[in-house]
Structures are given as structure tokens and as C-alpha cells.
């Protein structure tokens, strides 16, 4: 959790996004929260290839072709400052 928190801070900084994330003491659902179960949207069997992604250069793209649905870290390492424009 510490690593993910620090990674989020670094990513936001690299993208020049002014957002401060914080942790809660306990999980609470607001009274006016209109929740929907969206667990089905997560595909644990691999990246979601049903979405059309704009292709950007990837390290092993010459060998494996473009791999969609990777993390923001891949995008930052490959696109640098242009990552925000890509998003």
C-alpha cells in the first residue's frame, strides 16, 4: 500500500496534476451515494482489448506489436511529458 501511494504521488507529479490523495480511517458509504455494482467491468484474465486504444511507441512494440491496456507507468515511461496529452 505504501508503494502504491507513493507511486500515485509520483505519477500525479509527473503529469503535473494538482491532486492530493489521502487515506480514510474507515470505510463509510455516504447517505446520498448511488452505488452500482461494477465488479463485472474488471477483467482479471488479462488486458481489455475491446477498447480501441490510440497506439503509442512501446519498448517491445517492434517485436510484440502494440499491447493495449497497460498501466500508466508504461505510458509515462514511453511517452514522457506527452503522456497527459495522450490521456
Protein backbone atom coordinates (compact mmCIF):
# COMPACT_ATOMS: atom_id res chain seq x y z
CA UNK A 1 0.00 0.00 0.00
CA UNK A 2 2.87 2.36 0.78
CA UNK A 3 4.41 1.69 -2.63
CA UNK A 4 1.11 2.30 -4.44
CA UNK A 5 0.53 5.51 -2.52
CA UNK A 6 4.00 6.81 -3.35
CA UNK A 7 3.62 5.72 -6.99
CA UNK A 8 0.34 7.63 -7.24
CA UNK A 9 2.05 10.74 -5.85
CA UNK A 10 4.89 10.43 -8.37
CA UNK A 11 2.51 9.84 -11.30
CA UNK A 12 0.37 12.85 -10.40
CA UNK A 13 3.50 14.96 -10.08
CA UNK A 14 4.89 13.77 -13.43
CA UNK A 15 1.58 14.55 -15.12
CA UNK A 16 1.51 17.94 -13.38
CA UNK A 17 -1.89 17.18 -11.85
CA UNK A 18 -2.65 19.03 -8.63
CA UNK A 19 -4.48 16.41 -6.62
CA UNK A 20 -3.69 15.26 -3.12
CA UNK A 21 -4.81 11.74 -2.30
CA UNK A 22 -5.39 10.73 1.29
CA UNK A 23 -6.48 7.66 3.18
CA UNK A 24 -9.58 7.32 5.29
CA UNK A 25 -9.66 5.91 8.79
CA UNK A 26 -12.57 3.61 7.96
CA UNK A 27 -14.87 2.82 5.06
CA UNK A 28 -18.15 4.73 5.11
CA UNK A 29 -20.87 4.95 2.48
CA UNK A 30 -22.46 8.42 2.27
CA UNK A 31 -26.25 8.51 2.67
CA UNK A 32 -26.68 10.08 -0.77
CA UNK A 33 -24.34 7.62 -2.53
CA UNK A 34 -25.94 5.97 -5.57
CA UNK A 35 -23.84 2.85 -5.83
CA UNK A 36 -23.80 0.36 -8.65
CA UNK A 37 -22.03 -2.97 -8.70
CA UNK A 38 -19.38 -2.58 -11.40
CA UNK A 39 -17.17 -5.51 -10.42
CA UNK A 40 -18.08 -7.20 -13.71
CA UNK A 41 -16.17 -4.45 -15.55
CA UNK A 42 -12.85 -5.76 -14.25
CA UNK A 43 -11.23 -8.38 -16.44
CA UNK A 44 -8.77 -10.36 -14.33
CA UNK A 45 -7.87 -12.66 -17.21
CA UNK A 46 -5.79 -10.04 -18.99
CA UNK A 47 -5.91 -6.58 -20.56
CA UNK A 48 -9.16 -5.35 -22.04
CA UNK A 49 -8.70 -5.47 -25.80
CA UNK A 50 -12.29 -4.49 -26.60
CA UNK A 51 -11.47 -0.78 -26.43
CA UNK A 52 -9.78 0.98 -29.31
CA UNK A 53 -6.56 2.42 -27.93
CA UNK A 54 -4.51 5.04 -29.73
CA UNK A 55 -1.18 3.38 -30.45
CA UNK A 56 1.90 4.90 -28.85
CA UNK A 57 5.51 3.63 -29.06
CA UNK A 58 6.26 0.84 -26.59
CA UNK A 59 9.65 -0.66 -25.76
CA UNK A 60 8.96 -4.06 -27.30
CA UNK A 61 6.48 -2.83 -29.91
CA UNK A 62 8.86 -3.76 -32.72
CA UNK A 63 8.68 -7.38 -31.58
CA UNK A 64 5.28 -7.86 -29.94
CA UNK A 65 3.25 -5.12 -31.58
CA UNK A 66 1.19 -2.67 -29.54
CA UNK A 67 -0.08 -4.10 -26.23
CA UNK A 68 -3.21 -2.21 -25.11
CA UNK A 69 -4.40 -1.67 -21.55
CA UNK A 70 -1.06 -1.47 -19.79
CA UNK A 71 -0.50 0.75 -16.76
CA UNK A 72 0.00 4.49 -16.62
CA UNK A 73 3.63 3.71 -15.74
CA UNK A 74 4.15 2.18 -19.20
CA UNK A 75 2.61 5.24 -20.80
CA UNK A 76 4.80 7.63 -18.77
CA UNK A 77 8.00 5.71 -19.47
CA UNK A 78 7.29 5.59 -23.19
CA UNK A 79 5.66 8.97 -23.82
CA UNK A 80 7.21 11.14 -21.11
CA UNK A 81 5.64 14.63 -20.93
CA UNK A 82 3.32 13.79 -23.85
CA UNK A 83 1.50 11.20 -21.67
CA UNK A 84 -1.00 13.79 -20.43
CA UNK A 85 -1.87 14.74 -23.99
CA UNK A 86 -2.38 11.05 -24.79
CA UNK A 87 -4.82 10.70 -21.88
